[in-house]
PDB file of all heavy atoms in Angstrom:
ATOM      1  N   ASP A   1       0.775  -1.269  -0.007  1.00  0.00           N
ATOM      2  CA  ASP A   1      -0.002   0.030   0.000  1.00  0.00           C
ATOM      3  C   ASP A   1       0.886   1.258  -0.050  1.00  0.00           C
ATOM      4  O   ASP A   1       0.716   2.265  -0.817  1.00  0.00           O
ATOM      5  CB  ASP A   1      -0.935   0.058   1.246  1.00  0.00           C
ATOM      6  CG  ASP A   1      -2.052  -0.928   1.185  1.00  0.00           C
ATOM      7  OD1 ASP A   1      -2.447  -1.450   0.064  1.00  0.00           O
ATOM      8  OD2 ASP A   1      -2.789  -1.124   2.249  1.00  0.00           O
ATOM      9  N   HIS A   2       1.857   1.229   0.867  1.00  0.00           N
ATOM     10  CA  HIS A   2       2.730   2.471   1.068  1.00  0.00           C
ATOM     11  C   HIS A   2       3.494   2.761  -0.165  1.00  0.00           C
ATOM     12  O   HIS A   2       3.679   4.068  -0.520  1.00  0.00           O
ATOM     13  CB  HIS A   2       3.834   2.132   2.095  1.00  0.00           C
ATOM     14  CG  HIS A   2       4.933   3.086   2.216  1.00  0.00           C
ATOM     15  ND1 HIS A   2       4.643   4.355   2.858  1.00  0.00           N
ATOM     16  CD2 HIS A   2       6.110   3.061   1.909  1.00  0.00           C
ATOM     17  CE1 HIS A   2       5.830   4.973   2.821  1.00  0.00           C
ATOM     18  NE2 HIS A   2       6.740   4.229   2.236  1.00  0.00           N
ATOM     19  N   ILE A   3       3.830   1.733  -1.115  1.00  0.00           N
ATOM     20  CA  ILE A   3       4.663   2.037  -2.215  1.00  0.00           C
ATOM     21  C   ILE A   3       3.689   2.261  -3.496  1.00  0.00           C
ATOM     22  O   ILE A   3       4.012   2.403  -4.620  1.00  0.00           O
ATOM     23  CB  ILE A   3       5.559   0.931  -2.635  1.00  0.00           C
ATOM     24  CG1 ILE A   3       4.996  -0.481  -2.959  1.00  0.00           C
ATOM     25  CG2 ILE A   3       6.610   0.797  -1.501  1.00  0.00           C
ATOM     26  CD1 ILE A   3       5.869  -1.478  -3.444  1.00  0.00           C
ATOM     27  N   GLY A   4       2.313   2.320  -3.199  1.00  0.00           N
ATOM     28  CA  GLY A   4       1.360   2.666  -4.195  1.00  0.00           C
ATOM     29  C   GLY A   4       0.815   1.476  -5.175  1.00  0.00           C
ATOM     30  O   GLY A   4       0.345   1.717  -6.235  1.00  0.00           O
ATOM     31  N   HIS A   5       1.067   0.285  -4.652  1.00  0.00           N
ATOM     32  CA  HIS A   5       0.554  -0.962  -5.393  1.00  0.00           C
ATOM     33  C   HIS A   5      -0.156  -1.788  -4.400  1.00  0.00           C
ATOM     34  O   HIS A   5       0.321  -2.852  -3.991  1.00  0.00           O
ATOM     35  CB  HIS A   5       1.817  -1.705  -5.918  1.00  0.00           C
ATOM     36  CG  HIS A   5       2.540  -0.991  -6.926  1.00  0.00           C
ATOM     37  ND1 HIS A   5       2.247  -0.947  -8.266  1.00  0.00           N
ATOM     38  CD2 HIS A   5       3.528  -0.121  -6.766  1.00  0.00           C
ATOM     39  CE1 HIS A   5       3.036  -0.145  -8.941  1.00  0.00           C
ATOM     40  NE2 HIS A   5       3.856   0.291  -8.126  1.00  0.00           N
ATOM     41  N   PRO A   6      -1.441  -1.349  -3.996  1.00  0.00           N
ATOM     42  CA  PRO A   6      -2.238  -2.101  -3.050  1.00  0.00           C
ATOM     43  C   PRO A   6      -2.462  -3.415  -3.479  1.00  0.00           C
ATOM     44  O   PRO A   6      -2.728  -3.903  -4.653  1.00  0.00           O
ATOM     45  CB  PRO A   6      -3.537  -1.274  -3.038  1.00  0.00           C
ATOM     46  CG  PRO A   6      -3.272   0.033  -3.639  1.00  0.00           C
ATOM     47  CD  PRO A   6      -2.120  -0.175  -4.573  1.00  0.00           C
ATOM     48  N   PHE A   7      -2.398  -4.362  -2.422  1.00  0.00           N
ATOM     49  CA  PHE A   7      -2.696  -5.820  -2.571  1.00  0.00           C
ATOM     50  C   PHE A   7      -3.980  -6.102  -3.336  1.00  0.00           C
ATOM     51  O   PHE A   7      -4.171  -6.924  -4.149  1.00  0.00           O
ATOM     52  CB  PHE A   7      -2.601  -6.615  -1.220  1.00  0.00           C
ATOM     53  CG  PHE A   7      -1.288  -7.467  -1.110  1.00  0.00           C
ATOM     54  CD1 PHE A   7      -0.171  -6.957  -1.764  1.00  0.00           C
ATOM     55  CD2 PHE A   7      -1.439  -8.522  -0.354  1.00  0.00           C
ATOM     56  CE1 PHE A   7       0.997  -7.752  -1.569  1.00  0.00           C
ATOM     57  CE2 PHE A   7      -0.238  -9.335  -0.160  1.00  0.00           C
ATOM     58  CZ  PHE A   7       0.874  -8.968  -0.704  1.00  0.00           C
ATOM     59  N   GLU A   8      -5.107  -5.343  -2.933  1.00  0.00           N
ATOM     60  CA  GLU A   8      -6.384  -5.595  -3.366  1.00  0.00           C
ATOM     61  C   GLU A   8      -6.403  -5.350  -4.974  1.00  0.00           C
ATOM     62  O   GLU A   8      -7.139  -5.924  -5.694  1.00  0.00           O
ATOM     63  CB  GLU A   8      -7.526  -4.783  -2.731  1.00  0.00           C
ATOM     64  CG  GLU A   8      -7.414  -3.359  -2.870  1.00  0.00           C
ATOM     65  CD  GLU A   8      -6.552  -2.604  -1.687  1.00  0.00           C
ATOM     66  OE1 GLU A   8      -5.804  -3.392  -1.077  1.00  0.00           O
ATOM     67  OE2 GLU A   8      -6.707  -1.416  -1.486  1.00  0.00           O
ATOM     68  N   GLU A   9      -5.610  -4.474  -5.520  1.00  0.00           N
ATOM     69  CA  GLU A   9      -5.444  -4.228  -6.923  1.00  0.00           C
ATOM     70  C   GLU A   9      -4.524  -5.264  -7.602  1.00  0.00           C
ATOM     71  O   GLU A   9      -4.832  -5.901  -8.557  1.00  0.00           O
ATOM     72  CB  GLU A   9      -4.829  -2.814  -7.242  1.00  0.00           C
ATOM     73  CG  GLU A   9      -5.954  -1.688  -6.834  1.00  0.00           C
ATOM     74  CD  GLU A   9      -5.266  -0.356  -6.995  1.00  0.00           C
ATOM     75  OE1 GLU A   9      -4.186  -0.120  -7.650  1.00  0.00           O
ATOM     76  OE2 GLU A   9      -5.908   0.616  -6.375  1.00  0.00           O
ATOM     77  N   LEU A  10      -3.382  -5.547  -6.912  1.00  0.00           N
ATOM     78  CA  LEU A  10      -2.427  -6.511  -7.414  1.00  0.00           C
ATOM     79  C   LEU A  10      -3.084  -7.879  -7.547  1.00  0.00           C
ATOM     80  O   LEU A  10      -2.796  -8.635  -8.509  1.00  0.00           O
ATOM     81  CB  LEU A  10      -1.160  -6.512  -6.630  1.00  0.00           C
ATOM     82  CG  LEU A  10      -0.064  -7.419  -6.920  1.00  0.00           C
ATOM     83  CD1 LEU A  10       0.459  -7.146  -8.300  1.00  0.00           C
ATOM     84  CD2 LEU A  10       1.119  -7.310  -5.811  1.00  0.00           C
ATOM     85  N   HIS A  11      -3.897  -8.258  -6.573  1.00  0.00           N
ATOM     86  CA  HIS A  11      -4.435  -9.577  -6.446  1.00  0.00           C
ATOM     87  C   HIS A  11      -5.720  -9.784  -7.400  1.00  0.00           C
ATOM     88  O   HIS A  11      -6.376 -10.809  -7.312  1.00  0.00           O
ATOM     89  CB  HIS A  11      -4.733  -9.971  -5.022  1.00  0.00           C
ATOM     90  CG  HIS A  11      -3.552 -10.331  -4.335  1.00  0.00           C
ATOM     91  ND1 HIS A  11      -2.738  -9.544  -3.715  1.00  0.00           N
ATOM     92  CD2 HIS A  11      -3.035 -11.573  -4.021  1.00  0.00           C
ATOM     93  CE1 HIS A  11      -1.686 -10.182  -3.159  1.00  0.00           C
ATOM     94  NE2 HIS A  11      -1.850 -11.443  -3.318  1.00  0.00           N
ATOM     95  N   THR A  12      -6.010  -8.879  -8.180  1.00  0.00           N
ATOM     96  CA  THR A  12      -7.144  -8.977  -9.146  1.00  0.00           C
ATOM     97  C   THR A  12      -6.813  -9.962 -10.346  1.00  0.00           C
ATOM     98  O   THR A  12      -7.580 -10.615 -10.808  1.00  0.00           O
ATOM     99  CB  THR A  12      -7.648  -7.690  -9.745  1.00  0.00           C
ATOM    100  OG1 THR A  12      -6.651  -7.062 -10.330  1.00  0.00           O
ATOM    101  CG2 THR A  12      -8.326  -6.912  -8.535  1.00  0.00           C
ATOM    102  N   LYS A  13      -5.356  -9.804 -10.705  1.00  0.00           N
ATOM    103  CA  LYS A  13      -4.926 -10.601 -11.897  1.00  0.00           C
ATOM    104  C   LYS A  13      -3.747 -11.530 -11.503  1.00  0.00           C
ATOM    105  O   LYS A  13      -3.262 -12.209 -12.373  1.00  0.00           O
ATOM    106  CB  LYS A  13      -4.620  -9.683 -12.940  1.00  0.00           C
ATOM    107  CG  LYS A  13      -5.718  -8.853 -13.486  1.00  0.00           C
ATOM    108  CD  LYS A  13      -5.333  -8.003 -14.668  1.00  0.00           C
ATOM    109  CE  LYS A  13      -6.579  -7.201 -15.040  1.00  0.00           C
ATOM    110  NZ  LYS A  13      -6.211  -6.111 -15.891  1.00  0.00           N
ATOM    111  N   ALA A  14      -3.267 -11.383 -10.302  1.00  0.00           N
ATOM    112  CA  ALA A  14      -2.044 -12.106  -9.883  1.00  0.00           C
ATOM    113  C   ALA A  14      -2.110 -12.362  -8.347  1.00  0.00           C
ATOM    114  O   ALA A  14      -3.075 -11.896  -7.753  1.00  0.00           O
ATOM    115  CB  ALA A  14      -0.953 -11.315 -10.296  1.00  0.00           C
ATOM    116  N   ALA A  15      -1.104 -12.909  -7.896  1.00  0.00           N
ATOM    117  CA  ALA A  15      -1.000 -13.014  -6.320  1.00  0.00           C
ATOM    118  C   ALA A  15       0.547 -13.021  -5.969  1.00  0.00           C
ATOM    119  O   ALA A  15       1.389 -13.139  -6.847  1.00  0.00           O
ATOM    120  CB  ALA A  15      -1.563 -14.333  -5.926  1.00  0.00           C
ATOM    121  N   VAL A  16       0.835 -12.867  -4.701  1.00  0.00           N
ATOM    122  CA  VAL A  16       2.129 -12.742  -4.221  1.00  0.00           C
ATOM    123  C   VAL A  16       2.268 -13.691  -2.982  1.00  0.00           C
ATOM    124  O   VAL A  16       2.234 -13.145  -1.752  1.00  0.00           O
ATOM    125  CB  VAL A  16       2.548 -11.349  -3.946  1.00  0.00           C
ATOM    126  CG1 VAL A  16       3.990 -11.280  -3.545  1.00  0.00           C
ATOM    127  CG2 VAL A  16       2.223 -10.391  -5.014  1.00  0.00           C
ATOM    128  N   PRO A  17       2.294 -15.023  -3.053  1.00  0.00           N
ATOM    129  CA  PRO A  17       2.376 -15.947  -1.999  1.00  0.00           C
ATOM    130  C   PRO A  17       3.829 -15.925  -1.551  1.00  0.00           C
ATOM    131  O   PRO A  17       4.770 -15.647  -2.305  1.00  0.00           O
ATOM    132  CB  PRO A  17       1.938 -17.248  -2.692  1.00  0.00           C
ATOM    133  CG  PRO A  17       2.267 -17.173  -4.116  1.00  0.00           C
ATOM    134  CD  PRO A  17       1.955 -15.696  -4.435  1.00  0.00           C
ATOM    135  N   THR A  18       3.893 -16.498  -0.285  1.00  0.00           N
ATOM    136  CA  THR A  18       5.206 -16.643   0.347  1.00  0.00           C
ATOM    137  C   THR A  18       5.728 -18.027  -0.095  1.00  0.00           C
ATOM    138  O   THR A  18       5.030 -19.014   0.155  1.00  0.00           O
ATOM    139  CB  THR A  18       5.166 -16.601   1.804  1.00  0.00           C
ATOM    140  OG1 THR A  18       4.688 -15.236   2.215  1.00  0.00           O
ATOM    141  CG2 THR A  18       6.498 -16.742   2.464  1.00  0.00           C
ATOM    142  N   ALA A  19       6.882 -18.125  -0.713  1.00  0.00           N
ATOM    143  CA  ALA A  19       7.483 -19.495  -1.134  1.00  0.00           C
ATOM    144  C   ALA A  19       8.401 -20.018  -0.139  1.00  0.00           C
ATOM    145  O   ALA A  19       8.583 -21.269  -0.085  1.00  0.00           O
ATOM    146  CB  ALA A  19       8.080 -19.270  -2.545  1.00  0.00           C
ATOM    147  N   GLN A  20       8.974 -19.234   0.680  1.00  0.00           N
ATOM    148  CA  GLN A  20       9.937 -19.551   1.609  1.00  0.00           C
ATOM    149  C   GLN A  20       9.971 -18.674   2.790  1.00  0.00           C
ATOM    150  O   GLN A  20       9.797 -17.437   2.539  1.00  0.00           O
ATOM    151  CB  GLN A  20      11.376 -19.806   0.990  1.00  0.00           C
ATOM    152  CG  GLN A  20      12.457 -20.147   1.866  1.00  0.00           C
ATOM    153  CD  GLN A  20      13.083 -19.002   2.771  1.00  0.00           C
ATOM    154  OE1 GLN A  20      13.129 -17.792   2.170  1.00  0.00           O
ATOM    155  NE2 GLN A  20      13.704 -19.200   3.854  1.00  0.00           N
ATOM    156  N   ILE A  21      10.094 -19.062   4.040  1.00  0.00           N
ATOM    157  CA  ILE A  21      10.185 -18.245   5.158  1.00  0.00           C
ATOM    158  C   ILE A  21      11.078 -18.898   6.282  1.00  0.00           C
ATOM    159  O   ILE A  21      11.020 -20.040   6.554  1.00  0.00           O
ATOM    160  CB  ILE A  21       8.865 -17.762   5.686  1.00  0.00           C
ATOM    161  CG1 ILE A  21       8.960 -16.639   6.770  1.00  0.00           C
ATOM    162  CG2 ILE A  21       8.112 -18.895   6.271  1.00  0.00           C
ATOM    163  CD1 ILE A  21       7.680 -15.851   7.103  1.00  0.00           C
ATOM    164  N   GLU A  22      11.880 -18.033   6.925  1.00  0.00           N
ATOM    165  CA  GLU A  22      12.760 -18.456   7.954  1.00  0.00           C
ATOM    166  C   GLU A  22      12.671 -17.475   9.053  1.00  0.00           C
ATOM    167  O   GLU A  22      12.813 -16.240   8.881  1.00  0.00           O
ATOM    168  CB  GLU A  22      14.244 -18.695   7.611  1.00  0.00           C
ATOM    169  CG  GLU A  22      15.041 -19.144   8.611  1.00  0.00           C
ATOM    170  CD  GLU A  22      16.504 -19.463   8.015  1.00  0.00           C
ATOM    171  OE1 GLU A  22      16.597 -19.963   6.908  1.00  0.00           O
ATOM    172  OE2 GLU A  22      17.471 -19.349   8.822  1.00  0.00           O
ATOM    173  N   THR A  23      12.508 -17.879  10.378  1.00  0.00           N
ATOM    174  CA  THR A  23      12.152 -17.018  11.394  1.00  0.00           C
ATOM    175  C   THR A  23      13.039 -17.450  12.686  1.00  0.00           C
ATOM    176  O   THR A  23      13.046 -18.630  12.884  1.00  0.00           O
ATOM    177  CB  THR A  23      10.629 -16.975  11.774  1.00  0.00           C
ATOM    178  OG1 THR A  23       9.803 -16.722  10.588  1.00  0.00           O
ATOM    179  CG2 THR A  23      10.306 -15.913  12.787  1.00  0.00           C
ATOM    180  N   THR A  24      13.475 -16.527  13.360  1.00  0.00           N
ATOM    181  CA  THR A  24      14.116 -16.718  14.678  1.00  0.00           C
ATOM    182  C   THR A  24      13.385 -15.841  15.619  1.00  0.00           C
ATOM    183  O   THR A  24      13.274 -14.685  15.541  1.00  0.00           O
ATOM    184  CB  THR A  24      15.634 -16.317  14.633  1.00  0.00           C
ATOM    185  OG1 THR A  24      16.262 -17.173  13.591  1.00  0.00           O
ATOM    186  CG2 THR A  24      16.295 -16.633  15.862  1.00  0.00           C
ATOM    187  N   PHE A  25      12.856 -16.455  16.708  1.00  0.00           N
ATOM    188  CA  PHE A  25      12.138 -15.873  17.855  1.00  0.00           C
ATOM    189  C   PHE A  25      13.306 -15.759  18.970  1.00  0.00           C
ATOM    190  O   PHE A  25      13.737 -16.717  19.535  1.00  0.00           O
ATOM    191  CB  PHE A  25      10.973 -16.714  18.280  1.00  0.00           C
ATOM    192  CG  PHE A  25       9.996 -16.922  17.263  1.00  0.00           C
ATOM    193  CD1 PHE A  25       9.944 -18.170  16.543  1.00  0.00           C
ATOM    194  CD2 PHE A  25       9.128 -15.910  16.767  1.00  0.00           C
ATOM    195  CE1 PHE A  25       9.138 -18.436  15.487  1.00  0.00           C
ATOM    196  CE2 PHE A  25       8.251 -16.122  15.694  1.00  0.00           C
ATOM    197  CZ  PHE A  25       8.236 -17.344  15.156  1.00  0.00           C
ATOM    198  N   THR A  26      13.570 -14.536  19.328  1.00  0.00           N
ATOM    199  CA  THR A  26      14.611 -14.229  20.327  1.00  0.00           C
ATOM    200  C   THR A  26      14.192 -13.882  21.694  1.00  0.00           C
ATOM    201  O   THR A  26      14.899 -14.013  22.614  1.00  0.00           O
ATOM    202  CB  THR A  26      15.513 -13.165  19.911  1.00  0.00           C
ATOM    203  OG1 THR A  26      14.744 -11.929  19.573  1.00  0.00           O
ATOM    204  CG2 THR A  26      16.315 -13.519  18.475  1.00  0.00           C
ATOM    205  N   ALA A  27      12.927 -13.348  21.761  1.00  0.00           N
ATOM    206  CA  ALA A  27      12.411 -12.952  23.162  1.00  0.00           C
ATOM    207  C   ALA A  27      10.838 -12.958  22.999  1.00  0.00           C
ATOM    208  O   ALA A  27      10.313 -12.665  21.907  1.00  0.00           O
ATOM    209  CB  ALA A  27      12.900 -11.670  23.621  1.00  0.00           C
ATOM    210  N   PRO A  28      10.223 -13.244  24.113  1.00  0.00           N
ATOM    211  CA  PRO A  28       8.701 -13.269  23.982  1.00  0.00           C
ATOM    212  C   PRO A  28       8.101 -11.873  24.040  1.00  0.00           C
ATOM    213  O   PRO A  28       8.643 -10.849  24.563  1.00  0.00           O
ATOM    214  CB  PRO A  28       8.278 -13.949  25.259  1.00  0.00           C
ATOM    215  CG  PRO A  28       9.279 -13.768  26.243  1.00  0.00           C
ATOM    216  CD  PRO A  28      10.600 -13.654  25.434  1.00  0.00           C
ATOM    217  N   SER A  29       6.922 -11.708  23.406  1.00  0.00           N
ATOM    218  CA  SER A  29       6.200 -10.418  23.424  1.00  0.00           C
ATOM    219  C   SER A  29       4.931 -10.689  24.182  1.00  0.00           C
ATOM    220  O   SER A  29       4.401 -11.757  24.071  1.00  0.00           O
ATOM    221  CB  SER A  29       5.806  -9.942  22.029  1.00  0.00           C
ATOM    222  OG  SER A  29       6.998  -9.647  21.239  1.00  0.00           O
ATOM    223  N   HIS A  30       4.525  -9.705  24.922  1.00  0.00           N
ATOM    224  CA  HIS A  30       3.368  -9.812  25.903  1.00  0.00           C
ATOM    225  C   HIS A  30       2.205  -8.920  25.425  1.00  0.00           C
ATOM    226  O   HIS A  30       2.432  -7.933  24.830  1.00  0.00           O
ATOM    227  CB  HIS A  30       3.836  -9.535  27.284  1.00  0.00           C
ATOM    228  CG  HIS A  30       4.923 -10.411  27.744  1.00  0.00           C
ATOM    229  ND1 HIS A  30       6.313 -10.140  27.613  1.00  0.00           N
ATOM    230  CD2 HIS A  30       4.852 -11.542  28.523  1.00  0.00           C
ATOM    231  CE1 HIS A  30       6.951 -11.121  28.119  1.00  0.00           C
ATOM    232  NE2 HIS A  30       6.139 -11.959  28.706  1.00  0.00           N
ATOM    233  N   HIS A  31       1.113  -9.347  25.980  1.00  0.00           N
ATOM    234  CA  HIS A  31      -0.205  -8.670  25.715  1.00  0.00           C
ATOM    235  C   HIS A  31       0.144  -7.115  26.105  1.00  0.00           C
ATOM    236  O   HIS A  31       0.606  -6.863  27.137  1.00  0.00           O
ATOM    237  CB  HIS A  31      -1.238  -9.157  26.496  1.00  0.00           C
ATOM    238  CG  HIS A  31      -2.635  -8.547  26.333  1.00  0.00           C
ATOM    239  ND1 HIS A  31      -3.755  -8.690  27.128  1.00  0.00           N
ATOM    240  CD2 HIS A  31      -3.065  -7.783  25.335  1.00  0.00           C
ATOM    241  CE1 HIS A  31      -4.717  -8.153  26.637  1.00  0.00           C
ATOM    242  NE2 HIS A  31      -4.413  -7.519  25.575  1.00  0.00           N
ATOM    243  N   GLY A  32      -0.161  -6.211  25.183  1.00  0.00           N
ATOM    244  CA  GLY A  32       0.051  -4.786  25.507  1.00  0.00           C
ATOM    245  C   GLY A  32       1.292  -4.173  24.942  1.00  0.00           C
ATOM    246  O   GLY A  32       1.480  -2.987  24.874  1.00  0.00           O
ATOM    247  N   ASP A  33       2.394  -5.099  24.662  1.00  0.00           N
ATOM    248  CA  ASP A  33       3.576  -4.569  24.073  1.00  0.00           C
ATOM    249  C   ASP A  33       3.320  -3.796  22.739  1.00  0.00           C
ATOM    250  O   ASP A  33       2.382  -4.251  21.952  1.00  0.00           O
ATOM    251  CB  ASP A  33       4.566  -5.788  23.689  1.00  0.00           C
ATOM    252  CG  ASP A  33       5.301  -6.253  25.002  1.00  0.00           C
ATOM    253  OD1 ASP A  33       5.101  -5.683  26.103  1.00  0.00           O
ATOM    254  OD2 ASP A  33       5.936  -7.279  24.875  1.00  0.00           O
ATOM    255  N   MET A  34       4.147  -2.880  22.437  1.00  0.00           N
ATOM    256  CA  MET A  34       4.001  -2.145  21.194  1.00  0.00           C
ATOM    257  C   MET A  34       5.239  -2.634  20.328  1.00  0.00           C
ATOM    258  O   MET A  34       6.369  -2.317  20.601  1.00  0.00           O
ATOM    259  CB  MET A  34       4.047  -0.738  21.263  1.00  0.00           C
ATOM    260  CG  MET A  34       3.795   0.083  20.069  1.00  0.00           C
ATOM    261  SD  MET A  34       2.167  -0.238  19.273  1.00  0.00           S
ATOM    262  CE  MET A  34       1.072   0.604  20.353  1.00  0.00           C
ATOM    263  N   LEU A  35       4.923  -3.387  19.291  1.00  0.00           N
ATOM    264  CA  LEU A  35       6.010  -3.870  18.409  1.00  0.00           C
ATOM    265  C   LEU A  35       6.316  -2.922  17.215  1.00  0.00           C
ATOM    266  O   LEU A  35       5.421  -2.330  16.582  1.00  0.00           O
ATOM    267  CB  LEU A  35       5.532  -5.198  17.755  1.00  0.00           C
ATOM    268  CG  LEU A  35       5.351  -6.508  18.667  1.00  0.00           C
ATOM    269  CD1 LEU A  35       4.817  -7.667  17.938  1.00  0.00           C
ATOM    270  CD2 LEU A  35       6.761  -6.755  19.354  1.00  0.00           C
ATOM    271  N   ASP A  36       7.543  -2.749  16.968  1.00  0.00           N
ATOM    272  CA  ASP A  36       7.977  -2.010  15.797  1.00  0.00           C
ATOM    273  C   ASP A  36       8.476  -3.200  14.777  1.00  0.00           C
ATOM    274  O   ASP A  36       9.391  -3.926  15.114  1.00  0.00           O
ATOM    275  CB  ASP A  36       9.127  -1.113  16.140  1.00  0.00           C
ATOM    276  CG  ASP A  36       8.740   0.015  17.003  1.00  0.00           C
ATOM    277  OD1 ASP A  36       7.786   0.658  16.707  1.00  0.00           O
ATOM    278  OD2 ASP A  36       9.379   0.091  18.086  1.00  0.00           O
ATOM    279  N   ILE A  37       7.856  -3.279  13.634  1.00  0.00           N
ATOM    280  CA  ILE A  37       8.111  -4.232  12.641  1.00  0.00           C
ATOM    281  C   ILE A  37       8.675  -3.475  11.375  1.00  0.00           C
ATOM    282  O   ILE A  37       8.043  -2.752  10.800  1.00  0.00           O
ATOM    283  CB  ILE A  37       6.918  -5.112  12.297  1.00  0.00           C
ATOM    284  CG1 ILE A  37       6.255  -5.711  13.535  1.00  0.00           C
ATOM    285  CG2 ILE A  37       7.207  -6.162  11.172  1.00  0.00           C
ATOM    286  CD1 ILE A  37       5.007  -6.427  13.381  1.00  0.00           C
ATOM    287  N   ARG A  38       9.982  -3.840  11.187  1.00  0.00           N
ATOM    288  CA  ARG A  38      10.561  -3.233  10.038  1.00  0.00           C
ATOM    289  C   ARG A  38      10.746  -4.238   8.909  1.00  0.00           C
ATOM    290  O   ARG A  38      11.098  -5.343   9.180  1.00  0.00           O
ATOM    291  CB  ARG A  38      12.000  -2.800  10.535  1.00  0.00           C
ATOM    292  CG  ARG A  38      12.821  -2.059   9.444  1.00  0.00           C
ATOM    293  CD  ARG A  38      14.195  -1.672   9.963  1.00  0.00           C
ATOM    294  NE  ARG A  38      15.178  -1.518   9.031  1.00  0.00           N
ATOM    295  CZ  ARG A  38      15.920  -2.388   8.388  1.00  0.00           C
ATOM    296  NH1 ARG A  38      15.850  -3.615   8.850  1.00  0.00           N
ATOM    297  NH2 ARG A  38      16.717  -2.080   7.377  1.00  0.00           N
ATOM    298  N   LEU A  39      10.426  -3.852   7.677  1.00  0.00           N
ATOM    299  CA  LEU A  39      10.469  -4.636   6.568  1.00  0.00           C
ATOM    300  C   LEU A  39      11.471  -4.029   5.613  1.00  0.00           C
ATOM    301  O   LEU A  39      11.461  -2.876   5.247  1.00  0.00           O
ATOM    302  CB  LEU A  39       9.161  -4.785   5.741  1.00  0.00           C
ATOM    303  CG  LEU A  39       9.094  -5.631   4.559  1.00  0.00           C
ATOM    304  CD1 LEU A  39       7.634  -6.284   4.417  1.00  0.00           C
ATOM    305  CD2 LEU A  39       9.358  -4.858   3.342  1.00  0.00           C
TER     306      LEU A  39
END
């Protein structure tokens, strides 16, 4: 959305599935925490 290519428009004729993902969880997050998620 931020870059001007909303998913709802992109997904009318195509899709962008996740083919591979790798994640490391380093500490727990608790109810009420405010997460900053950087992509």
